[in-house]
């Protein structure tokens, strides 16, 4: 994830769209937020309300940040129990 965070926002977006597994979408204020899983971490792509351009990217491993999605997704395939 450290290397991912050093990439530009355009490089991160491209990498997530090519290699990431799409999990869910949610709305927050005026943003559409797409959730992906890539390698061993999660990534949120924050789109403006028009859904065209990525304004922000957030990457994380802590499951507590998945709370907004828990009612809509099954993460059992990407989270190991070991």
PDB file of N, CA and C in Angstrom:
ATOM      1  N   UNK A   1       0.825  -1.180   0.000  1.00  0.00           N
ATOM      2  CA  UNK A   1       0.000   0.000   0.000  1.00  0.00           C
ATOM      3  C   UNK A   1       0.879   1.257   0.000  1.00  0.00           C
ATOM      4  N   UNK A   2       2.041   1.166   0.594  1.00  0.00           N
ATOM      5  CA  UNK A   2       2.945   2.323   0.633  1.00  0.00           C
ATOM      6  C   UNK A   2       3.324   2.770  -0.775  1.00  0.00           C
ATOM      7  N   UNK A   3       3.660   1.811  -1.637  1.00  0.00           N
ATOM      8  CA  UNK A   3       4.005   2.147  -3.026  1.00  0.00           C
ATOM      9  C   UNK A   3       2.807   2.736  -3.757  1.00  0.00           C
ATOM     10  N   UNK A   4       1.628   2.182  -3.501  1.00  0.00           N
ATOM     11  CA  UNK A   4       0.401   2.675  -4.120  1.00  0.00           C
ATOM     12  C   UNK A   4       0.172   4.142  -3.770  1.00  0.00           C
ATOM     13  N   UNK A   5       0.371   4.491  -2.530  1.00  0.00           N
ATOM     14  CA  UNK A   5       0.137   5.862  -2.076  1.00  0.00           C
ATOM     15  C   UNK A   5       1.109   6.867  -2.673  1.00  0.00           C
ATOM     16  N   UNK A   6       2.261   6.388  -3.138  1.00  0.00           N
ATOM     17  CA  UNK A   6       3.238   7.285  -3.757  1.00  0.00           C
ATOM     18  C   UNK A   6       2.902   7.605  -5.214  1.00  0.00           C
ATOM     19  N   UNK A   7       1.990   6.846  -5.811  1.00  0.00           N
ATOM     20  CA  UNK A   7       1.589   7.095  -7.200  1.00  0.00           C
ATOM     21  C   UNK A   7       0.728   8.349  -7.290  1.00  0.00           C
ATOM     22  N   UNK A   8       0.639   8.927  -8.479  1.00  0.00           N
ATOM     23  CA  UNK A   8      -0.256  10.064  -8.693  1.00  0.00           C
ATOM     24  C   UNK A   8      -1.700   9.565  -8.642  1.00  0.00           C
ATOM     25  N   UNK A   9      -2.633  10.473  -8.494  1.00  0.00           N
ATOM     26  CA  UNK A   9      -4.043  10.094  -8.441  1.00  0.00           C
ATOM     27  C   UNK A   9      -4.473   9.413  -9.740  1.00  0.00           C
ATOM     28  N   UNK A  10      -3.942   9.853 -10.874  1.00  0.00           N
ATOM     29  CA  UNK A  10      -4.261   9.214 -12.155  1.00  0.00           C
ATOM     30  C   UNK A  10      -3.699   7.801 -12.226  1.00  0.00           C
ATOM     31  N   UNK A  11      -2.480   7.598 -11.739  1.00  0.00           N
ATOM     32  CA  UNK A  11      -1.873   6.270 -11.744  1.00  0.00           C
ATOM     33  C   UNK A  11      -2.621   5.333 -10.791  1.00  0.00           C
ATOM     34  N   UNK A  12      -3.000   5.845  -9.627  1.00  0.00           N
ATOM     35  CA  UNK A  12      -3.757   5.037  -8.674  1.00  0.00           C
ATOM     36  C   UNK A  12      -5.095   4.611  -9.275  1.00  0.00           C
ATOM     37  N   UNK A  13      -5.789   5.559  -9.897  1.00  0.00           N
ATOM     38  CA  UNK A  13      -7.089   5.269 -10.501  1.00  0.00           C
ATOM     39  C   UNK A  13      -6.963   4.187 -11.565  1.00  0.00           C
ATOM     40  N   UNK A  14      -5.986   4.317 -12.440  1.00  0.00           N
ATOM     41  CA  UNK A  14      -5.771   3.337 -13.498  1.00  0.00           C
ATOM     42  C   UNK A  14      -5.463   1.952 -12.921  1.00  0.00           C
ATOM     43  N   UNK A  15      -4.600   1.898 -11.926  1.00  0.00           N
ATOM     44  CA  UNK A  15      -4.230   0.631 -11.305  1.00  0.00           C
ATOM     45  C   UNK A  15      -5.436  -0.038 -10.653  1.00  0.00           C
ATOM     46  N   UNK A  16      -6.229   0.728  -9.946  1.00  0.00           N
ATOM     47  CA  UNK A  16      -7.405   0.174  -9.277  1.00  0.00           C
ATOM     48  C   UNK A  16      -8.401  -0.355 -10.301  1.00  0.00           C
ATOM     49  N   UNK A  17      -8.627   0.385 -11.361  1.00  0.00           N
ATOM     50  CA  UNK A  17      -9.589  -0.049 -12.374  1.00  0.00           C
ATOM     51  C   UNK A  17      -9.111  -1.276 -13.134  1.00  0.00           C
ATOM     52  N   UNK A  18      -7.794  -1.428 -13.292  1.00  0.00           N
ATOM     53  CA  UNK A  18      -7.250  -2.590 -14.011  1.00  0.00           C
ATOM     54  C   UNK A  18      -7.150  -3.830 -13.129  1.00  0.00           C
ATOM     55  N   UNK A  19      -6.688  -3.661 -11.888  1.00  0.00           N
ATOM     56  CA  UNK A  19      -6.376  -4.822 -11.050  1.00  0.00           C
ATOM     57  C   UNK A  19      -7.273  -4.996  -9.845  1.00  0.00           C
ATOM     58  N   UNK A  20      -8.044  -3.990  -9.526  1.00  0.00           N
ATOM     59  CA  UNK A  20      -8.873  -4.057  -8.336  1.00  0.00           C
ATOM     60  C   UNK A  20     -10.159  -4.830  -8.563  1.00  0.00           C
ATOM     61  N   UNK A  21     -10.696  -5.365  -7.490  1.00  0.00           N
ATOM     62  CA  UNK A  21     -11.999  -6.038  -7.510  1.00  0.00           C
ATOM     63  C   UNK A  21     -13.034  -5.058  -6.971  1.00  0.00           C
ATOM     64  N   UNK A  22     -13.997  -4.726  -7.814  1.00  0.00           N
ATOM     65  CA  UNK A  22     -15.059  -3.810  -7.405  1.00  0.00           C
ATOM     66  C   UNK A  22     -15.953  -4.481  -6.363  1.00  0.00           C
ATOM     67  N   UNK A  23     -16.247  -3.756  -5.284  1.00  0.00           N
ATOM     68  CA  UNK A  23     -17.062  -4.323  -4.211  1.00  0.00           C
ATOM     69  C   UNK A  23     -18.403  -3.625  -4.026  1.00  0.00           C
ATOM     70  N   UNK A  24     -18.397  -2.293  -4.049  1.00  0.00           N
ATOM     71  CA  UNK A  24     -19.638  -1.593  -3.729  1.00  0.00           C
ATOM     72  C   UNK A  24     -19.543  -0.118  -4.088  1.00  0.00           C
ATOM     73  N   UNK A  25     -20.682   0.554  -3.978  1.00  0.00           N
ATOM     74  CA  UNK A  25     -20.759   2.000  -4.172  1.00  0.00           C
ATOM     75  C   UNK A  25     -21.625   2.585  -3.071  1.00  0.00           C
ATOM     76  N   UNK A  26     -21.304   3.810  -2.682  1.00  0.00           N
ATOM     77  CA  UNK A  26     -22.129   4.535  -1.715  1.00  0.00           C
ATOM     78  C   UNK A  26     -22.096   6.011  -2.052  1.00  0.00           C
ATOM     79  N   UNK A  27     -23.007   6.752  -1.447  1.00  0.00           N
ATOM     80  CA  UNK A  27     -23.053   8.202  -1.621  1.00  0.00           C
ATOM     81  C   UNK A  27     -22.728   8.864  -0.297  1.00  0.00           C
ATOM     82  N   UNK A  28     -22.004   9.970  -0.372  1.00  0.00           N
ATOM     83  CA  UNK A  28     -21.707  10.767   0.811  1.00  0.00           C
ATOM     84  C   UNK A  28     -21.645  12.223   0.380  1.00  0.00           C
ATOM     85  N   UNK A  29     -22.546  13.015   0.936  1.00  0.00           N
ATOM     86  CA  UNK A  29     -22.666  14.412   0.542  1.00  0.00           C
ATOM     87  C   UNK A  29     -22.824  14.494  -0.970  1.00  0.00           C
ATOM     88  N   UNK A  30     -21.894  15.134  -1.647  1.00  0.00           N
ATOM     89  CA  UNK A  30     -22.021  15.272  -3.101  1.00  0.00           C
ATOM     90  C   UNK A  30     -21.073  14.329  -3.849  1.00  0.00           C
ATOM     91  N   UNK A  31     -20.651  13.243  -3.205  1.00  0.00           N
ATOM     92  CA  UNK A  31     -19.718  12.306  -3.822  1.00  0.00           C
ATOM     93  C   UNK A  31     -20.341  10.928  -4.018  1.00  0.00           C
ATOM     94  N   UNK A  32     -19.916  10.260  -5.090  1.00  0.00           N
ATOM     95  CA  UNK A  32     -20.181   8.834  -5.302  1.00  0.00           C
ATOM     96  C   UNK A  32     -18.866   8.130  -5.002  1.00  0.00           C
ATOM     97  N   UNK A  33     -18.899   7.146  -4.116  1.00  0.00           N
ATOM     98  CA  UNK A  33     -17.662   6.501  -3.658  1.00  0.00           C
ATOM     99  C   UNK A  33     -17.701   5.025  -4.032  1.00  0.00           C
ATOM    100  N   UNK A  34     -16.762   4.627  -4.871  1.00  0.00           N
ATOM    101  CA  UNK A  34     -16.649   3.234  -5.296  1.00  0.00           C
ATOM    102  C   UNK A  34     -15.591   2.545  -4.450  1.00  0.00           C
ATOM    103  N   UNK A  35     -15.928   1.373  -3.938  1.00  0.00           N
ATOM    104  CA  UNK A  35     -15.014   0.602  -3.102  1.00  0.00           C
ATOM    105  C   UNK A  35     -14.439  -0.555  -3.903  1.00  0.00           C
ATOM    106  N   UNK A  36     -13.110  -0.708  -3.818  1.00  0.00           N
ATOM    107  CA  UNK A  36     -12.383  -1.792  -4.494  1.00  0.00           C
ATOM    108  C   UNK A  36     -11.474  -2.485  -3.489  1.00  0.00           C
ATOM    109  N   UNK A  37     -11.096  -3.719  -3.835  1.00  0.00           N
ATOM    110  CA  UNK A  37     -10.068  -4.444  -3.090  1.00  0.00           C
ATOM    111  C   UNK A  37      -8.958  -4.759  -4.075  1.00  0.00           C
ATOM    112  N   UNK A  38      -7.714  -4.415  -3.698  1.00  0.00           N
ATOM    113  CA  UNK A  38      -6.563  -4.684  -4.567  1.00  0.00           C
ATOM    114  C   UNK A  38      -5.401  -5.181  -3.697  1.00  0.00           C
ATOM    115  N   UNK A  39      -4.784  -6.245  -4.125  1.00  0.00           N
ATOM    116  CA  UNK A  39      -3.701  -6.879  -3.366  1.00  0.00           C
ATOM    117  C   UNK A  39      -4.185  -7.211  -1.957  1.00  0.00           C
ATOM    118  N   UNK A  40      -3.776  -6.449  -0.957  1.00  0.00           N
ATOM    119  CA  UNK A  40      -4.181  -6.744   0.423  1.00  0.00           C
ATOM    120  C   UNK A  40      -4.785  -5.527   1.134  1.00  0.00           C
ATOM    121  N   UNK A  41      -5.372  -4.616   0.361  1.00  0.00           N
ATOM    122  CA  UNK A  41      -5.979  -3.436   0.962  1.00  0.00           C
ATOM    123  C   UNK A  41      -7.191  -2.972   0.155  1.00  0.00           C
ATOM    124  N   UNK A  42      -7.955  -2.100   0.766  1.00  0.00           N
ATOM    125  CA  UNK A  42      -9.148  -1.543   0.149  1.00  0.00           C
ATOM    126  C   UNK A  42      -8.852  -0.149  -0.381  1.00  0.00           C
ATOM    127  N   UNK A  43      -9.582   0.244  -1.423  1.00  0.00           N
ATOM    128  CA  UNK A  43      -9.422   1.574  -2.005  1.00  0.00           C
ATOM    129  C   UNK A  43     -10.794   2.152  -2.294  1.00  0.00           C
ATOM    130  N   UNK A  44     -10.972   3.401  -1.908  1.00  0.00           N
ATOM    131  CA  UNK A  44     -12.175   4.140  -2.267  1.00  0.00           C
ATOM    132  C   UNK A  44     -11.816   5.170  -3.326  1.00  0.00           C
ATOM    133  N   UNK A  45     -12.551   5.157  -4.431  1.00  0.00           N
ATOM    134  CA  UNK A  45     -12.423   6.205  -5.448  1.00  0.00           C
ATOM    135  C   UNK A  45     -13.593   7.155  -5.242  1.00  0.00           C
ATOM    136  N   UNK A  46     -13.297   8.391  -4.902  1.00  0.00           N
ATOM    137  CA  UNK A  46     -14.319   9.405  -4.641  1.00  0.00           C
ATOM    138  C   UNK A  46     -14.550  10.222  -5.906  1.00  0.00           C
ATOM    139  N   UNK A  47     -15.728  10.057  -6.492  1.00  0.00           N
ATOM    140  CA  UNK A  47     -16.099  10.778  -7.702  1.00  0.00           C
ATOM    141  C   UNK A  47     -16.976  11.971  -7.352  1.00  0.00           C
ATOM    142  N   UNK A  48     -16.842  13.044  -8.128  1.00  0.00           N
ATOM    143  CA  UNK A  48     -17.783  14.143  -7.990  1.00  0.00           C
ATOM    144  C   UNK A  48     -19.163  13.629  -8.374  1.00  0.00           C
ATOM    145  N   UNK A  49     -20.190  14.344  -8.039  1.00  0.00           N
ATOM    146  CA  UNK A  49     -21.558  13.853  -8.240  1.00  0.00           C
ATOM    147  C   UNK A  49     -21.871  13.532  -9.696  1.00  0.00           C
ATOM    148  N   UNK A  50     -21.110  14.099 -10.645  1.00  0.00           N
ATOM    149  CA  UNK A  50     -21.334  13.767 -12.057  1.00  0.00           C
ATOM    150  C   UNK A  50     -20.771  12.391 -12.406  1.00  0.00           C
ATOM    151  N   UNK A  51     -19.961  11.808 -11.513  1.00  0.00           N
ATOM    152  CA  UNK A  51     -19.439  10.461 -11.701  1.00  0.00           C
ATOM    153  C   UNK A  51     -18.367  10.323 -12.756  1.00  0.00           C
ATOM    154  N   UNK A  52     -17.815  11.445 -13.191  1.00  0.00           N
ATOM    155  CA  UNK A  52     -16.832  11.402 -14.282  1.00  0.00           C
ATOM    156  C   UNK A  52     -15.395  11.433 -13.775  1.00  0.00           C
ATOM    157  N   UNK A  53     -15.077  12.341 -12.875  1.00  0.00           N
ATOM    158  CA  UNK A  53     -13.686  12.501 -12.461  1.00  0.00           C
ATOM    159  C   UNK A  53     -13.499  12.096 -11.001  1.00  0.00           C
ATOM    160  N   UNK A  54     -12.354  11.457 -10.734  1.00  0.00           N
ATOM    161  CA  UNK A  54     -12.000  11.064  -9.376  1.00  0.00           C
ATOM    162  C   UNK A  54     -11.394  12.277  -8.682  1.00  0.00           C
ATOM    163  N   UNK A  55     -12.003  12.672  -7.573  1.00  0.00           N
ATOM    164  CA  UNK A  55     -11.521  13.833  -6.827  1.00  0.00           C
ATOM    165  C   UNK A  55     -10.583  13.453  -5.695  1.00  0.00           C
ATOM    166  N   UNK A  56     -10.751  12.237  -5.189  1.00  0.00           N
ATOM    167  CA  UNK A  56      -9.984  11.815  -4.026  1.00  0.00           C
ATOM    168  C   UNK A  56      -9.891  10.295  -4.015  1.00  0.00           C
ATOM    169  N   UNK A  57      -8.790   9.795  -3.448  1.00  0.00           N
ATOM    170  CA  UNK A  57      -8.621   8.344  -3.277  1.00  0.00           C
ATOM    171  C   UNK A  57      -8.203   8.090  -1.843  1.00  0.00           C
ATOM    172  N   UNK A  58      -8.846   7.101  -1.246  1.00  0.00           N
ATOM    173  CA  UNK A  58      -8.475   6.705   0.114  1.00  0.00           C
ATOM    174  C   UNK A  58      -8.185   5.217   0.111  1.00  0.00           C
ATOM    175  N   UNK A  59      -7.016   4.840   0.612  1.00  0.00           N
ATOM    176  CA  UNK A  59      -6.650   3.421   0.720  1.00  0.00           C
ATOM    177  C   UNK A  59      -6.492   3.079   2.197  1.00  0.00           C
ATOM    178  N   UNK A  60      -6.889   1.838   2.542  1.00  0.00           N
ATOM    179  CA  UNK A  60      -6.842   1.443   3.946  1.00  0.00           C
ATOM    180  C   UNK A  60      -6.885  -0.076   4.072  1.00  0.00           C
ATOM    181  N   UNK A  61      -6.457  -0.546   5.234  1.00  0.00           N
ATOM    182  CA  UNK A  61      -6.527  -1.972   5.576  1.00  0.00           C
ATOM    183  C   UNK A  61      -7.483  -2.224   6.743  1.00  0.00           C
ATOM    184  N   UNK A  62      -7.680  -1.229   7.561  1.00  0.00           N
ATOM    185  CA  UNK A  62      -8.497  -1.407   8.768  1.00  0.00           C
ATOM    186  C   UNK A  62      -9.960  -1.623   8.398  1.00  0.00           C
ATOM    187  N   UNK A  63     -10.501  -2.701   8.912  1.00  0.00           N
ATOM    188  CA  UNK A  63     -11.875  -3.069   8.592  1.00  0.00           C
ATOM    189  C   UNK A  63     -12.893  -2.072   9.128  1.00  0.00           C
ATOM    190  N   UNK A  64     -12.528  -1.289  10.116  1.00  0.00           N
ATOM    191  CA  UNK A  64     -13.477  -0.312  10.661  1.00  0.00           C
ATOM    192  C   UNK A  64     -13.910   0.710   9.616  1.00  0.00           C
ATOM    193  N   UNK A  65     -13.075   0.934   8.597  1.00  0.00           N
ATOM    194  CA  UNK A  65     -13.439   1.895   7.549  1.00  0.00           C
ATOM    195  C   UNK A  65     -14.452   1.326   6.560  1.00  0.00           C
ATOM    196  N   UNK A  66     -14.756   0.043   6.694  1.00  0.00           N
ATOM    197  CA  UNK A  66     -15.771  -0.583   5.840  1.00  0.00           C
ATOM    198  C   UNK A  66     -17.183  -0.419   6.403  1.00  0.00           C
ATOM    199  N   UNK A  67     -17.297   0.151   7.581  1.00  0.00           N
ATOM    200  CA  UNK A  67     -18.597   0.262   8.238  1.00  0.00           C
ATOM    201  C   UNK A  67     -19.705   0.828   7.340  1.00  0.00           C
ATOM    202  N   UNK A  68     -19.457   1.868   6.535  1.00  0.00           N
ATOM    203  CA  UNK A  68     -20.536   2.387   5.681  1.00  0.00           C
ATOM    204  C   UNK A  68     -21.048   1.376   4.644  1.00  0.00           C
ATOM    205  N   UNK A  69     -20.282   0.321   4.402  1.00  0.00           N
ATOM    206  CA  UNK A  69     -20.631  -0.656   3.372  1.00  0.00           C
ATOM    207  C   UNK A  69     -21.198  -1.965   3.927  1.00  0.00           C
ATOM    208  N   UNK A  70     -21.110  -2.175   5.209  1.00  0.00           N
ATOM    209  CA  UNK A  70     -21.371  -3.499   5.781  1.00  0.00           C
ATOM    210  C   UNK A  70     -22.760  -4.055   5.498  1.00  0.00           C
ATOM    211  N   UNK A  71     -23.721  -3.220   5.295  1.00  0.00           N
ATOM    212  CA  UNK A  71     -25.063  -3.710   4.994  1.00  0.00           C
ATOM    213  C   UNK A  71     -25.251  -4.076   3.527  1.00  0.00           C
ATOM    214  N   UNK A  72     -24.262  -3.750   2.691  1.00  0.00           N
ATOM    215  CA  UNK A  72     -24.453  -3.947   1.253  1.00  0.00           C
ATOM    216  C   UNK A  72     -23.478  -4.905   0.596  1.00  0.00           C
ATOM    217  N   UNK A  73     -22.394  -5.319   1.293  1.00  0.00           N
ATOM    218  CA  UNK A  73     -21.403  -6.173   0.630  1.00  0.00           C
ATOM    219  C   UNK A  73     -21.050  -7.393   1.470  1.00  0.00           C
ATOM    220  N   UNK A  74     -20.561  -8.412   0.794  1.00  0.00           N
ATOM    221  CA  UNK A  74     -20.034  -9.612   1.428  1.00  0.00           C
ATOM    222  C   UNK A  74     -18.539  -9.623   1.183  1.00  0.00           C
ATOM    223  N   UNK A  75     -17.740  -9.414   2.229  1.00  0.00           N
ATOM    224  CA  UNK A  75     -16.286  -9.341   2.072  1.00  0.00           C
ATOM    225  C   UNK A  75     -15.586 -10.636   2.471  1.00  0.00           C
ATOM    226  N   UNK A  76     -16.335 -11.694   2.674  1.00  0.00           N
ATOM    227  CA  UNK A  76     -15.749 -12.945   3.155  1.00  0.00           C
ATOM    228  C   UNK A  76     -14.701 -13.510   2.192  1.00  0.00           C
ATOM    229  N   UNK A  77     -14.836 -13.245   0.901  1.00  0.00           N
ATOM    230  CA  UNK A  77     -13.870 -13.770  -0.063  1.00  0.00           C
ATOM    231  C   UNK A  77     -12.533 -13.039  -0.033  1.00  0.00           C
ATOM    232  N   UNK A  78     -12.524 -11.787   0.468  1.00  0.00           N
ATOM    233  CA  UNK A  78     -11.284 -11.006   0.431  1.00  0.00           C
ATOM    234  C   UNK A  78     -10.652 -10.831   1.805  1.00  0.00           C
ATOM    235  N   UNK A  79     -11.328 -11.241   2.849  1.00  0.00           N
ATOM    236  CA  UNK A  79     -10.796 -11.132   4.201  1.00  0.00           C
ATOM    237  C   UNK A  79     -10.568 -12.534   4.735  1.00  0.00           C
ATOM    238  N   UNK A  80      -9.313 -12.847   5.002  1.00  0.00           N
ATOM    239  CA  UNK A  80      -9.016 -14.183   5.521  1.00  0.00           C
ATOM    240  C   UNK A  80      -9.287 -14.220   7.014  1.00  0.00           C
ATOM    241  N   UNK A  81      -9.631 -15.375   7.500  1.00  0.00           N
ATOM    242  CA  UNK A  81      -9.917 -15.528   8.926  1.00  0.00           C
ATOM    243  C   UNK A  81      -8.696 -15.938   9.722  1.00  0.00           C
ATOM    244  N   UNK A  82      -7.561 -16.013   9.069  1.00  0.00           N
ATOM    245  CA  UNK A  82      -6.350 -16.441   9.783  1.00  0.00           C
ATOM    246  C   UNK A  82      -5.643 -15.297  10.445  1.00  0.00           C
TER     247      UNK A  82
END
